[in-house]
Amino acid sequence: MTRALTRWLVVGAGRHADRFGLPGLAGARTAEAAALCGSDEDRVARLAARHGVARWSTSLDELLADPAITHVYVCSANARHERQATRAAAAGKHVLCEKPLAPDVTAARRMVDACDRHGVVLGTGFHLRHNAANDQARRLVADGAIGDPLWVRVDYLHALREDDTARRLTASRSVAAPSAGAMAGTGAHALDLARWLLGDEITTVAAAMAETDPHGPLGPQRVVHVSGSAAGGALVTVTAGRARYPRNGVTVTGSRGHVTVTGSTGNGGGVVRAVTDRGEQVFEVAPHDVYRDQFDAFAAATAVGGPAGASGRDGVAALSVADAVDRSLTAAGAPVTVGDIQPFEKGAS
């Protein structure tokens, strides 16, 4: 059965829409970019022309009034997410919002409540869930291939490039936070990936941070190290931040084996290695577009009323852990309990 095509309004005409959102929609099977909204008229016009988007405007309300628009992808500045997502929900549009949902947990909860109130599905843009290599690891853990999970480790540092200036990164996140924006960037993805792999919530954390090159041309290299535990007793280790030469990857150690994933924290693809009582298995996952797959998965979830694979409540949970990390950093690394823990929500994909 062929699903109906979903028509998307992309809100935000910055680098993320240009590099990931609009190309992902162009490759999707059940979604297409029907309109683009941004605050800079010249930029949004150029971006719409470059990606073949037929309609654009600087007026969000004008585009939301179009009954042909069924879904909204919010990838604007973090401080604008709540207002834009709430207006989209009031217009009856399903909302996929980039992480973090909002600058703080309270605002993110209001977004969840607004979407519930208006009967639309809210999803959080945790694209790493849509990497088939990460999903293979998750299924191995969920199926009991490695026994009871004892420890999960996720290392996800942004690899700095010549265009990654401190000024650009500051524009997309609050560097005044104790983690200096790391928990709003790769940290949000790493925390969610740890939760998702375990199928469990992180309940306590202790954090430390190291920095170097504060006056370098790309700004400081920064690593936030998080040690914690999940509700079921497994240990959790996460490193996040930015470095010139990061070494990223995923490991889940269980009572009867372990699974590792390499090459899975960028776009799609990677190598999964599982060592269990049955020996070693290696799964090589070909490159694929995780943003394309995220749009198709969200469209499928909304067709049945949700929930999304990574829901709004998942976005709130990751923000709650990130808030605890910042509180631990403020308290010189003291252990902190994560607030308002709820049972892990299993999404639609």
C-alpha atoms as a PDB file:
ATOM      1  CA  MET A   1       0.000   0.000   0.000  1.00  0.00           C
ATOM      2  CA  THR A   2       1.434   3.367  -1.062  1.00  0.00           C
ATOM      3  CA  ARG A   3       1.305   6.081   1.572  1.00  0.00           C
ATOM      4  CA  ALA A   4       0.052   9.556   0.673  1.00  0.00           C
ATOM      5  CA  LEU A   5       2.738  12.157   0.117  1.00  0.00           C
ATOM      6  CA  THR A   6       3.217  14.484   3.084  1.00  0.00           C
ATOM      7  CA  ARG A   7       3.884  18.143   2.317  1.00  0.00           C
ATOM      8  CA  TRP A   8       6.334  19.901   4.611  1.00  0.00           C
ATOM      9  CA  LEU A   9       7.018  23.460   5.636  1.00  0.00           C
ATOM     10  CA  VAL A  10      10.668  23.887   6.647  1.00  0.00           C
ATOM     11  CA  VAL A  11      11.086  26.621   9.256  1.00  0.00           C
ATOM     12  CA  GLY A  12      14.640  27.914   9.378  1.00  0.00           C
ATOM     13  CA  ALA A  13      16.829  28.905   6.440  1.00  0.00           C
ATOM     14  CA  GLY A  14      20.215  28.321   8.013  1.00  0.00           C
ATOM     15  CA  ARG A  15      23.009  25.831   7.438  1.00  0.00           C
ATOM     16  CA  HIS A  16      21.120  22.880   8.899  1.00  0.00           C
ATOM     17  CA  ALA A  17      18.233  23.246   6.452  1.00  0.00           C
ATOM     18  CA  ASP A  18      20.679  23.712   3.581  1.00  0.00           C
ATOM     19  CA  ARG A  19      22.942  20.757   4.372  1.00  0.00           C
ATOM     20  CA  PHE A  20      20.557  18.243   5.925  1.00  0.00           C
ATOM     21  CA  GLY A  21      16.862  19.108   6.075  1.00  0.00           C
ATOM     22  CA  LEU A  22      16.104  20.085   2.496  1.00  0.00           C
ATOM     23  CA  PRO A  23      18.323  17.387   0.903  1.00  0.00           C
ATOM     24  CA  GLY A  24      16.710  14.806   3.209  1.00  0.00           C
ATOM     25  CA  LEU A  25      13.226  15.830   2.132  1.00  0.00           C
ATOM     26  CA  ALA A  26      14.313  15.759  -1.517  1.00  0.00           C
ATOM     27  CA  GLY A  27      15.304  12.116  -1.128  1.00  0.00           C
ATOM     28  CA  ALA A  28      12.325  10.985   0.941  1.00  0.00           C
ATOM     29  CA  ARG A  29       9.725   8.642  -0.505  1.00  0.00           C
ATOM     30  CA  THR A  30       6.700   9.957   1.398  1.00  0.00           C
ATOM     31  CA  ALA A  31       7.646  13.565   2.135  1.00  0.00           C
ATOM     32  CA  GLU A  32       8.463  16.673   0.130  1.00  0.00           C
ATOM     33  CA  ALA A  33       9.457  20.252   0.929  1.00  0.00           C
ATOM     34  CA  ALA A  34       6.480  22.346  -0.140  1.00  0.00           C
ATOM     35  CA  ALA A  35       7.501  25.625   1.498  1.00  0.00           C
ATOM     36  CA  LEU A  36      10.360  27.351   3.286  1.00  0.00           C
ATOM     37  CA  CYS A  37      10.213  30.042   5.962  1.00  0.00           C
ATOM     38  CA  GLY A  38      13.049  32.212   7.225  1.00  0.00           C
ATOM     39  CA  SER A  39      13.613  35.652   8.705  1.00  0.00           C
ATOM     40  CA  ASP A  40      16.083  36.893   6.054  1.00  0.00           C
ATOM     41  CA  GLU A  41      14.207  37.453   2.796  1.00  0.00           C
ATOM     42  CA  ASP A  42      17.246  37.290   0.506  1.00  0.00           C
ATOM     43  CA  ARG A  43      18.613  34.163   2.148  1.00  0.00           C
ATOM     44  CA  VAL A  44      15.326  32.257   2.187  1.00  0.00           C
ATOM     45  CA  ALA A  45      14.734  33.143  -1.472  1.00  0.00           C
ATOM     46  CA  ARG A  46      18.193  31.888  -2.472  1.00  0.00           C
ATOM     47  CA  LEU A  47      17.816  28.699  -0.440  1.00  0.00           C
ATOM     48  CA  ALA A  48      14.383  27.951  -1.887  1.00  0.00           C
ATOM     49  CA  ALA A  49      15.749  28.399  -5.414  1.00  0.00           C
ATOM     50  CA  ARG A  50      18.792  26.213  -4.729  1.00  0.00           C
ATOM     51  CA  HIS A  51      16.657  23.330  -3.453  1.00  0.00           C
ATOM     52  CA  GLY A  52      13.715  23.730  -5.808  1.00  0.00           C
ATOM     53  CA  VAL A  53      11.182  24.680  -3.127  1.00  0.00           C
ATOM     54  CA  ALA A  54       8.231  26.236  -4.919  1.00  0.00           C
ATOM     55  CA  ARG A  55       6.996  28.534  -2.157  1.00  0.00           C
ATOM     56  CA  TRP A  56       8.752  30.634   0.444  1.00  0.00           C
ATOM     57  CA  SER A  57       7.968  33.502   2.804  1.00  0.00           C
ATOM     58  CA  THR A  58       9.213  35.330   5.881  1.00  0.00           C
ATOM     59  CA  SER A  59       5.688  35.024   7.360  1.00  0.00           C
ATOM     60  CA  LEU A  60       5.171  31.811   9.311  1.00  0.00           C
ATOM     61  CA  ASP A  61       1.435  32.449   9.731  1.00  0.00           C
ATOM     62  CA  GLU A  62       0.979  32.879   5.982  1.00  0.00           C
ATOM     63  CA  LEU A  63       2.522  29.490   5.237  1.00  0.00           C
ATOM     64  CA  LEU A  64       0.794  27.717   8.129  1.00  0.00           C
ATOM     65  CA  ALA A  65      -2.559  28.887   6.721  1.00  0.00           C
ATOM     66  CA  ASP A  66      -2.002  26.718   3.633  1.00  0.00           C
ATOM     67  CA  PRO A  67      -4.230  23.617   4.045  1.00  0.00           C
ATOM     68  CA  ALA A  68      -1.938  21.645   1.731  1.00  0.00           C
ATOM     69  CA  ILE A  69       0.854  21.793   4.329  1.00  0.00           C
ATOM     70  CA  THR A  70       0.593  18.716   6.545  1.00  0.00           C
ATOM     71  CA  HIS A  71       3.894  18.720   8.463  1.00  0.00           C
ATOM     72  CA  VAL A  72       6.359  21.266   9.800  1.00  0.00           C
ATOM     73  CA  TYR A  73      10.095  20.750  10.286  1.00  0.00           C
ATOM     74  CA  VAL A  74      11.506  23.277  12.760  1.00  0.00           C
ATOM     75  CA  CYS A  75      15.262  23.734  12.364  1.00  0.00           C
ATOM     76  CA  SER A  76      15.612  27.372  13.353  1.00  0.00           C
ATOM     77  CA  ALA A  77      17.534  28.853  16.290  1.00  0.00           C
ATOM     78  CA  ASN A  78      16.835  26.974  19.517  1.00  0.00           C
ATOM     79  CA  ALA A  79      15.216  29.970  21.214  1.00  0.00           C
ATOM     80  CA  ARG A  80      12.543  30.081  18.482  1.00  0.00           C
ATOM     81  CA  HIS A  81      11.526  26.418  18.605  1.00  0.00           C
ATOM     82  CA  GLU A  82       8.745  26.707  21.177  1.00  0.00           C
ATOM     83  CA  ARG A  83       6.969  29.631  19.544  1.00  0.00           C
ATOM     84  CA  GLN A  84       7.165  28.173  16.047  1.00  0.00           C
ATOM     85  CA  ALA A  85       6.227  24.623  17.024  1.00  0.00           C
ATOM     86  CA  THR A  86       3.307  25.815  19.128  1.00  0.00           C
ATOM     87  CA  ARG A  87       1.951  27.916  16.271  1.00  0.00           C
ATOM     88  CA  ALA A  88       2.306  24.966  13.900  1.00  0.00           C
ATOM     89  CA  ALA A  89       0.418  22.742  16.334  1.00  0.00           C
ATOM     90  CA  ALA A  90      -2.362  25.322  16.646  1.00  0.00           C
ATOM     91  CA  ALA A  91      -2.627  25.246  12.840  1.00  0.00           C
ATOM     92  CA  GLY A  92      -3.126  21.471  12.978  1.00  0.00           C
ATOM     93  CA  LYS A  93       0.282  20.510  11.552  1.00  0.00           C
ATOM     94  CA  HIS A  94       2.422  17.642  12.823  1.00  0.00           C
ATOM     95  CA  VAL A  95       5.780  18.929  14.072  1.00  0.00           C
ATOM     96  CA  LEU A  96       9.266  17.456  13.820  1.00  0.00           C
ATOM     97  CA  CYS A  97      11.580  19.742  15.780  1.00  0.00           C
ATOM     98  CA  GLU A  98      15.346  19.676  15.840  1.00  0.00           C
ATOM     99  CA  LYS A  99      17.123  19.057  19.120  1.00  0.00           C
ATOM    100  CA  PRO A 100      17.156  20.493  21.654  1.00  0.00           C
ATOM    101  CA  LEU A 101      13.413  21.043  21.658  1.00  0.00           C
ATOM    102  CA  ALA A 102      13.879  24.268  23.587  1.00  0.00           C
ATOM    103  CA  PRO A 103      16.479  26.085  25.682  1.00  0.00           C
ATOM    104  CA  ASP A 104      15.093  24.543  28.894  1.00  0.00           C
ATOM    105  CA  VAL A 105      12.974  21.651  30.141  1.00  0.00           C
ATOM    106  CA  THR A 106       9.974  23.781  31.113  1.00  0.00           C
ATOM    107  CA  ALA A 107       9.629  25.224  27.609  1.00  0.00           C
ATOM    108  CA  ALA A 108       9.994  21.770  26.066  1.00  0.00           C
ATOM    109  CA  ARG A 109       7.192  20.447  28.266  1.00  0.00           C
ATOM    110  CA  ARG A 110       4.973  23.285  27.075  1.00  0.00           C
ATOM    111  CA  MET A 111       5.666  22.188  23.492  1.00  0.00           C
ATOM    112  CA  VAL A 112       4.619  18.622  24.311  1.00  0.00           C
ATOM    113  CA  ASP A 113       1.452  19.872  26.016  1.00  0.00           C
ATOM    114  CA  ALA A 114       0.573  22.150  23.083  1.00  0.00           C
ATOM    115  CA  CYS A 115       0.898  19.346  20.547  1.00  0.00           C
ATOM    116  CA  ASP A 116      -1.142  17.002  22.755  1.00  0.00           C
ATOM    117  CA  ARG A 117      -3.813  19.671  23.168  1.00  0.00           C
ATOM    118  CA  HIS A 118      -4.104  20.233  19.421  1.00  0.00           C
ATOM    119  CA  GLY A 119      -4.005  16.522  18.569  1.00  0.00           C
ATOM    120  CA  VAL A 120      -0.824  16.573  16.486  1.00  0.00           C
ATOM    121  CA  VAL A 121       2.319  14.452  16.739  1.00  0.00           C
ATOM    122  CA  LEU A 122       5.523  16.027  18.044  1.00  0.00           C
ATOM    123  CA  GLY A 123       8.860  14.436  17.177  1.00  0.00           C
ATOM    124  CA  THR A 124      12.421  15.311  18.198  1.00  0.00           C
ATOM    125  CA  GLY A 125      15.145  15.302  15.536  1.00  0.00           C
ATOM    126  CA  PHE A 126      17.422  12.643  16.991  1.00  0.00           C
ATOM    127  CA  HIS A 127      18.769  11.543  13.626  1.00  0.00           C
ATOM    128  CA  LEU A 128      21.194   8.973  15.077  1.00  0.00           C
ATOM    129  CA  ARG A 129      18.216   6.707  15.799  1.00  0.00           C
ATOM    130  CA  HIS A 130      17.731   6.479  12.045  1.00  0.00           C
ATOM    131  CA  ASN A 131      21.197   5.144  11.321  1.00  0.00           C
ATOM    132  CA  ALA A 132      20.657   1.477  10.485  1.00  0.00           C
ATOM    133  CA  ALA A 133      23.956   0.594  12.199  1.00  0.00           C
ATOM    134  CA  ASN A 134      22.784   2.072  15.500  1.00  0.00           C
ATOM    135  CA  ASP A 135      19.419   0.365  15.056  1.00  0.00           C
ATOM    136  CA  GLN A 136      21.150  -2.986  14.504  1.00  0.00           C
ATOM    137  CA  ALA A 137      22.978  -2.519  17.817  1.00  0.00           C
ATOM    138  CA  ARG A 138      19.752  -1.549  19.571  1.00  0.00           C
ATOM    139  CA  ARG A 139      17.982  -4.664  18.313  1.00  0.00           C
ATOM    140  CA  LEU A 140      20.844  -6.897  19.447  1.00  0.00           C
ATOM    141  CA  VAL A 141      20.579  -5.410  22.935  1.00  0.00           C
ATOM    142  CA  ALA A 142      16.772  -5.588  23.003  1.00  0.00           C
ATOM    143  CA  ASP A 143      16.769  -9.215  21.803  1.00  0.00           C
ATOM    144  CA  GLY A 144      19.093 -10.225  24.644  1.00  0.00           C
ATOM    145  CA  ALA A 145      22.012 -11.178  22.390  1.00  0.00           C
ATOM    146  CA  ILE A 146      24.535  -9.729  24.872  1.00  0.00           C
ATOM    147  CA  GLY A 147      22.595 -10.618  28.011  1.00  0.00           C
ATOM    148  CA  ASP A 148      21.706  -8.026  30.612  1.00  0.00           C
ATOM    149  CA  PRO A 149      23.194  -4.606  29.800  1.00  0.00           C
ATOM    150  CA  LEU A 150      25.900  -3.584  32.255  1.00  0.00           C
ATOM    151  CA  TRP A 151      27.398  -0.495  30.604  1.00  0.00           C
ATOM    152  CA  VAL A 152      26.776   1.729  27.602  1.00  0.00           C
ATOM    153  CA  ARG A 153      29.325   4.208  26.262  1.00  0.00           C
ATOM    154  CA  VAL A 154      28.648   6.811  23.572  1.00  0.00           C
ATOM    155  CA  ASP A 155      31.431   9.120  22.325  1.00  0.00           C
ATOM    156  CA  TYR A 156      30.212  11.863  19.977  1.00  0.00           C
ATOM    157  CA  LEU A 157      32.404  14.886  19.429  1.00  0.00           C
ATOM    158  CA  HIS A 158      31.890  17.309  16.580  1.00  0.00           C
ATOM    159  CA  ALA A 159      34.873  17.264  14.214  1.00  0.00           C
ATOM    160  CA  LEU A 160      35.933  20.884  13.788  1.00  0.00           C
ATOM    161  CA  ARG A 161      36.449  22.218  10.284  1.00  0.00           C
ATOM    162  CA  GLU A 162      37.659  25.548   8.957  1.00  0.00           C
ATOM    163  CA  ASP A 163      34.106  26.929   8.754  1.00  0.00           C
ATOM    164  CA  ASP A 164      33.265  25.920  12.347  1.00  0.00           C
ATOM    165  CA  THR A 165      34.099  29.186  14.025  1.00  0.00           C
ATOM    166  CA  ALA A 166      33.193  29.838  17.630  1.00  0.00           C
ATOM    167  CA  ARG A 167      30.958  32.664  16.396  1.00  0.00           C
ATOM    168  CA  ARG A 168      28.905  30.338  14.188  1.00  0.00           C
ATOM    169  CA  LEU A 169      28.473  27.749  16.914  1.00  0.00           C
ATOM    170  CA  THR A 170      27.508  30.452  19.413  1.00  0.00           C
ATOM    171  CA  ALA A 171      24.685  31.502  17.112  1.00  0.00           C
ATOM    172  CA  SER A 172      23.010  28.092  17.438  1.00  0.00           C
ATOM    173  CA  ARG A 173      23.414  27.383  21.169  1.00  0.00           C
ATOM    174  CA  SER A 174      23.971  29.037  24.520  1.00  0.00           C
ATOM    175  CA  VAL A 175      27.649  29.025  25.391  1.00  0.00           C
ATOM    176  CA  ALA A 176      26.781  30.625  28.731  1.00  0.00           C
ATOM    177  CA  ALA A 177      25.616  27.220  29.983  1.00  0.00           C
ATOM    178  CA  PRO A 178      28.067  25.310  32.224  1.00  0.00           C
ATOM    179  CA  SER A 179      28.712  22.828  29.382  1.00  0.00           C
ATOM    180  CA  ALA A 180      29.315  25.824  27.060  1.00  0.00           C
ATOM    181  CA  GLY A 181      26.767  24.522  24.567  1.00  0.00           C
ATOM    182  CA  ALA A 182      28.063  20.948  24.349  1.00  0.00           C
ATOM    183  CA  MET A 183      24.845  19.510  25.815  1.00  0.00           C
ATOM    184  CA  ALA A 184      22.775  21.412  23.249  1.00  0.00           C
ATOM    185  CA  GLY A 185      24.917  20.045  20.423  1.00  0.00           C
ATOM    186  CA  THR A 186      26.413  16.570  20.155  1.00  0.00           C
ATOM    187  CA  GLY A 187      25.618  15.974  23.828  1.00  0.00           C
ATOM    188  CA  ALA A 188      21.876  15.882  23.180  1.00  0.00           C
ATOM    189  CA  HIS A 189      22.343  13.189  20.521  1.00  0.00           C
ATOM    190  CA  ALA A 190      24.760  11.172  22.658  1.00  0.00           C
ATOM    191  CA  LEU A 191      22.469  11.196  25.697  1.00  0.00           C
ATOM    192  CA  ASP A 192      19.459  10.134  23.642  1.00  0.00           C
ATOM    193  CA  LEU A 193      21.442   7.418  21.888  1.00  0.00           C
ATOM    194  CA  ALA A 194      22.501   5.976  25.262  1.00  0.00           C
ATOM    195  CA  ARG A 195      18.874   6.002  26.467  1.00  0.00           C
ATOM    196  CA  TRP A 196      17.609   4.427  23.241  1.00  0.00           C
ATOM    197  CA  LEU A 197      20.235   1.677  23.116  1.00  0.00           C
ATOM    198  CA  LEU A 198      19.429   0.645  26.686  1.00  0.00           C
ATOM    199  CA  GLY A 199      15.674   1.191  26.391  1.00  0.00           C
ATOM    200  CA  ASP A 200      15.995   2.817  29.793  1.00  0.00           C
ATOM    201  CA  GLU A 201      16.210   6.226  31.424  1.00  0.00           C
ATOM    202  CA  ILE A 202      19.366   7.814  32.815  1.00  0.00           C
ATOM    203  CA  THR A 203      18.719   8.652  36.468  1.00  0.00           C
ATOM    204  CA  THR A 204      22.004  10.022  37.895  1.00  0.00           C
ATOM    205  CA  VAL A 205      25.012  11.795  36.372  1.00  0.00           C
ATOM    206  CA  ALA A 206      28.352  13.285  37.360  1.00  0.00           C
ATOM    207  CA  ALA A 207      30.205  15.463  34.853  1.00  0.00           C
ATOM    208  CA  ALA A 208      33.581  17.072  34.163  1.00  0.00           C
ATOM    209  CA  MET A 209      34.883  19.200  31.296  1.00  0.00           C
ATOM    210  CA  ALA A 210      38.269  19.780  29.655  1.00  0.00           C
ATOM    211  CA  GLU A 211      39.134  22.612  27.246  1.00  0.00           C
ATOM    212  CA  THR A 212      42.082  23.749  25.154  1.00  0.00           C
ATOM    213  CA  ASP A 213      42.834  26.320  22.431  1.00  0.00           C
ATOM    214  CA  PRO A 214      40.474  28.984  23.838  1.00  0.00           C
ATOM    215  CA  HIS A 215      41.824  31.590  21.412  1.00  0.00           C
ATOM    216  CA  GLY A 216      42.337  29.305  18.416  1.00  0.00           C
ATOM    217  CA  PRO A 217      40.800  30.249  15.037  1.00  0.00           C
ATOM    218  CA  LEU A 218      38.018  27.684  15.505  1.00  0.00           C
ATOM    219  CA  GLY A 219      37.394  28.473  19.148  1.00  0.00           C
ATOM    220  CA  PRO A 220      38.082  26.122  22.060  1.00  0.00           C
ATOM    221  CA  GLN A 221      38.277  22.371  21.702  1.00  0.00           C
ATOM    222  CA  ARG A 222      36.040  21.017  24.440  1.00  0.00           C
ATOM    223  CA  VAL A 223      35.116  17.609  25.874  1.00  0.00           C
ATOM    224  CA  VAL A 224      32.369  17.057  28.444  1.00  0.00           C
ATOM    225  CA  HIS A 225      32.631  13.672  30.180  1.00  0.00           C
ATOM    226  CA  VAL A 226      29.491  12.259  31.798  1.00  0.00           C
ATOM    227  CA  SER A 227      29.355   9.229  34.105  1.00  0.00           C
ATOM    228  CA  GLY A 228      25.993   8.015  35.306  1.00  0.00           C
ATOM    229  CA  SER A 229      23.573   5.167  35.789  1.00  0.00           C
ATOM    230  CA  ALA A 230      20.246   4.092  34.348  1.00  0.00           C
ATOM    231  CA  ALA A 231      17.077   3.070  36.165  1.00  0.00           C
ATOM    232  CA  GLY A 232      17.769  -0.599  35.473  1.00  0.00           C
ATOM    233  CA  GLY A 233      21.254  -0.425  36.967  1.00  0.00           C
ATOM    234  CA  ALA A 234      23.421  -0.179  33.856  1.00  0.00           C
ATOM    235  CA  LEU A 235      26.300   2.284  33.898  1.00  0.00           C
ATOM    236  CA  VAL A 236      26.310   5.124  31.363  1.00  0.00           C
ATOM    237  CA  THR A 237      29.324   6.994  29.962  1.00  0.00           C
ATOM    238  CA  VAL A 238      28.948   9.824  27.459  1.00  0.00           C
ATOM    239  CA  THR A 239      31.527  12.184  25.989  1.00  0.00           C
ATOM    240  CA  ALA A 240      30.430  15.123  23.866  1.00  0.00           C
ATOM    241  CA  GLY A 241      31.794  18.399  22.557  1.00  0.00           C
ATOM    242  CA  ARG A 242      34.111  19.527  19.780  1.00  0.00           C
ATOM    243  CA  ALA A 243      37.649  18.540  18.739  1.00  0.00           C
ATOM    244  CA  ARG A 244      39.877  18.600  15.686  1.00  0.00           C
ATOM    245  CA  TYR A 245      40.436  14.829  15.728  1.00  0.00           C
ATOM    246  CA  PRO A 246      37.603  13.070  17.580  1.00  0.00           C
ATOM    247  CA  ARG A 247      37.351   9.320  17.963  1.00  0.00           C
ATOM    248  CA  ASN A 248      33.662   8.534  18.100  1.00  0.00           C
ATOM    249  CA  GLY A 249      31.794   5.296  18.644  1.00  0.00           C
ATOM    250  CA  VAL A 250      29.330   3.240  20.651  1.00  0.00           C
ATOM    251  CA  THR A 251      29.801   0.234  22.962  1.00  0.00           C
ATOM    252  CA  VAL A 252      27.218  -1.707  24.952  1.00  0.00           C
ATOM    253  CA  THR A 253      28.631  -4.325  27.323  1.00  0.00           C
ATOM    254  CA  GLY A 254      26.333  -7.016  28.671  1.00  0.00           C
ATOM    255  CA  SER A 255      26.507 -10.083  30.872  1.00  0.00           C
ATOM    256  CA  ARG A 256      27.028 -12.408  27.885  1.00  0.00           C
ATOM    257  CA  GLY A 257      28.853 -10.247  25.341  1.00  0.00           C
ATOM    258  CA  HIS A 258      29.237  -6.807  23.876  1.00  0.00           C
ATOM    259  CA  VAL A 259      28.346  -4.860  20.753  1.00  0.00           C
ATOM    260  CA  THR A 260      30.343  -1.982  19.276  1.00  0.00           C
ATOM    261  CA  VAL A 261      29.480   0.432  16.494  1.00  0.00           C
ATOM    262  CA  THR A 262      31.960   2.579  14.589  1.00  0.00           C
ATOM    263  CA  GLY A 263      31.294   5.192  11.934  1.00  0.00           C
ATOM    264  CA  SER A 264      27.673   5.736  12.985  1.00  0.00           C
ATOM    265  CA  THR A 265      27.677   9.225  14.492  1.00  0.00           C
ATOM    266  CA  GLY A 266      27.753  11.120  11.206  1.00  0.00           C
ATOM    267  CA  ASN A 267      25.331  10.335   8.432  1.00  0.00           C
ATOM    268  CA  GLY A 268      24.084   6.780   7.885  1.00  0.00           C
ATOM    269  CA  GLY A 269      26.290   3.706   7.816  1.00  0.00           C
ATOM    270  CA  GLY A 270      28.899   2.074   9.976  1.00  0.00           C
ATOM    271  CA  VAL A 271      30.226  -1.241  11.210  1.00  0.00           C
ATOM    272  CA  VAL A 272      28.563  -3.249  13.982  1.00  0.00           C
ATOM    273  CA  ARG A 273      30.545  -5.942  15.810  1.00  0.00           C
ATOM    274  CA  ALA A 274      28.876  -8.268  18.281  1.00  0.00           C
ATOM    275  CA  VAL A 275      30.889 -10.674  20.460  1.00  0.00           C
ATOM    276  CA  THR A 276      28.714 -13.201  22.288  1.00  0.00           C
ATOM    277  CA  ASP A 277      28.659 -16.835  23.382  1.00  0.00           C
ATOM    278  CA  ARG A 278      28.105 -17.687  19.712  1.00  0.00           C
ATOM    279  CA  GLY A 279      31.325 -15.981  18.596  1.00  0.00           C
ATOM    280  CA  GLU A 280      31.824 -12.758  16.652  1.00  0.00           C
ATOM    281  CA  GLN A 281      29.413 -11.298  14.125  1.00  0.00           C
ATOM    282  CA  VAL A 282      30.177  -8.310  11.911  1.00  0.00           C
ATOM    283  CA  PHE A 283      27.510  -6.264  10.152  1.00  0.00           C
ATOM    284  CA  GLU A 284      28.604  -3.662   7.609  1.00  0.00           C
ATOM    285  CA  VAL A 285      25.948  -1.033   6.958  1.00  0.00           C
ATOM    286  CA  ALA A 286      26.180   0.908   3.699  1.00  0.00           C
ATOM    287  CA  PRO A 287      26.005   4.712   3.740  1.00  0.00           C
ATOM    288  CA  HIS A 288      22.482   6.115   3.724  1.00  0.00           C
ATOM    289  CA  ASP A 289      20.757   9.428   4.424  1.00  0.00           C
ATOM    290  CA  VAL A 290      19.504   9.413   8.021  1.00  0.00           C
ATOM    291  CA  TYR A 291      17.571  12.652   7.501  1.00  0.00           C
ATOM    292  CA  ARG A 292      15.697  11.156   4.550  1.00  0.00           C
ATOM    293  CA  ASP A 293      14.874   8.115   6.649  1.00  0.00           C
ATOM    294  CA  GLN A 294      13.864  10.295   9.599  1.00  0.00           C
ATOM    295  CA  PHE A 295      11.322  12.183   7.468  1.00  0.00           C
ATOM    296  CA  ASP A 296       9.863   8.963   6.063  1.00  0.00           C
ATOM    297  CA  ALA A 297       9.643   7.408   9.535  1.00  0.00           C
ATOM    298  CA  PHE A 298       7.945  10.481  10.987  1.00  0.00           C
ATOM    299  CA  ALA A 299       5.446  10.556   8.119  1.00  0.00           C
ATOM    300  CA  ALA A 300       4.650   6.891   8.779  1.00  0.00           C
ATOM    301  CA  ALA A 301       4.200   7.563  12.496  1.00  0.00           C
ATOM    302  CA  THR A 302       1.803  10.443  11.915  1.00  0.00           C
ATOM    303  CA  ALA A 303      -0.256   8.317   9.526  1.00  0.00           C
ATOM    304  CA  VAL A 304      -1.238   6.127  12.501  1.00  0.00           C
ATOM    305  CA  GLY A 305      -1.443   8.921  15.069  1.00  0.00           C
ATOM    306  CA  GLY A 306       2.042   8.483  16.545  1.00  0.00           C
ATOM    307  CA  PRO A 307       4.064   8.273  18.606  1.00  0.00           C
ATOM    308  CA  ALA A 308       7.141   9.362  16.689  1.00  0.00           C
ATOM    309  CA  GLY A 309      10.245   7.192  16.811  1.00  0.00           C
ATOM    310  CA  ALA A 310      11.845   9.947  18.881  1.00  0.00           C
ATOM    311  CA  SER A 311       8.923  11.738  20.485  1.00  0.00           C
ATOM    312  CA  GLY A 312       8.569  15.082  22.153  1.00  0.00           C
ATOM    313  CA  ARG A 313       8.794  13.292  25.481  1.00  0.00           C
ATOM    314  CA  ASP A 314      12.121  11.820  24.381  1.00  0.00           C
ATOM    315  CA  GLY A 315      13.247  15.374  23.715  1.00  0.00           C
ATOM    316  CA  VAL A 316      12.172  16.407  27.216  1.00  0.00           C
ATOM    317  CA  ALA A 317      13.980  13.411  28.748  1.00  0.00           C
ATOM    318  CA  ALA A 318      17.249  14.228  26.977  1.00  0.00           C
ATOM    319  CA  LEU A 319      16.943  17.860  28.087  1.00  0.00           C
ATOM    320  CA  SER A 320      16.363  16.704  31.672  1.00  0.00           C
ATOM    321  CA  VAL A 321      19.598  14.716  31.595  1.00  0.00           C
ATOM    322  CA  ALA A 322      21.456  17.611  29.962  1.00  0.00           C
ATOM    323  CA  ASP A 323      20.171  19.906  32.719  1.00  0.00           C
ATOM    324  CA  ALA A 324      21.505  17.475  35.326  1.00  0.00           C
ATOM    325  CA  VAL A 325      24.892  17.449  33.554  1.00  0.00           C
ATOM    326  CA  ASP A 326      25.057  21.244  33.730  1.00  0.00           C
ATOM    327  CA  ARG A 327      24.077  21.166  37.408  1.00  0.00           C
ATOM    328  CA  SER A 328      26.844  18.653  38.096  1.00  0.00           C
ATOM    329  CA  LEU A 329      29.394  20.839  36.297  1.00  0.00           C
ATOM    330  CA  THR A 330      28.274  23.792  38.419  1.00  0.00           C
ATOM    331  CA  ALA A 331      28.740  21.638  41.529  1.00  0.00           C
ATOM    332  CA  ALA A 332      32.343  20.720  40.592  1.00  0.00           C
ATOM    333  CA  GLY A 333      31.361  17.288  39.304  1.00  0.00           C
ATOM    334  CA  ALA A 334      29.182  16.184  42.210  1.00  0.00           C
ATOM    335  CA  PRO A 335      26.640  13.455  41.377  1.00  0.00           C
ATOM    336  CA  VAL A 336      23.198  14.834  40.493  1.00  0.00           C
ATOM    337  CA  THR A 337      19.823  13.134  40.249  1.00  0.00           C
ATOM    338  CA  VAL A 338      17.979  13.665  36.968  1.00  0.00           C
ATOM    339  CA  GLY A 339      14.648  15.378  37.574  1.00  0.00           C
ATOM    340  CA  ASP A 340      11.169  14.070  36.702  1.00  0.00           C
ATOM    341  CA  ILE A 341      12.208  10.657  35.389  1.00  0.00           C
ATOM    342  CA  GLN A 342       9.428   8.798  33.571  1.00  0.00           C
ATOM    343  CA  PRO A 343       9.479   5.271  32.118  1.00  0.00           C
ATOM    344  CA  PHE A 344      11.267   5.045  28.780  1.00  0.00           C
ATOM    345  CA  GLU A 345       8.838   5.605  25.906  1.00  0.00           C
ATOM    346  CA  LYS A 346       9.108   3.178  23.021  1.00  0.00           C
ATOM    347  CA  GLY A 347       8.437   5.023  19.774  1.00  0.00           C
ATOM    348  CA  ALA A 348       6.894   3.955  16.505  1.00  0.00           C
ATOM    349  CA  SER A 349      10.123   3.221  14.673  1.00  0.00           C
END
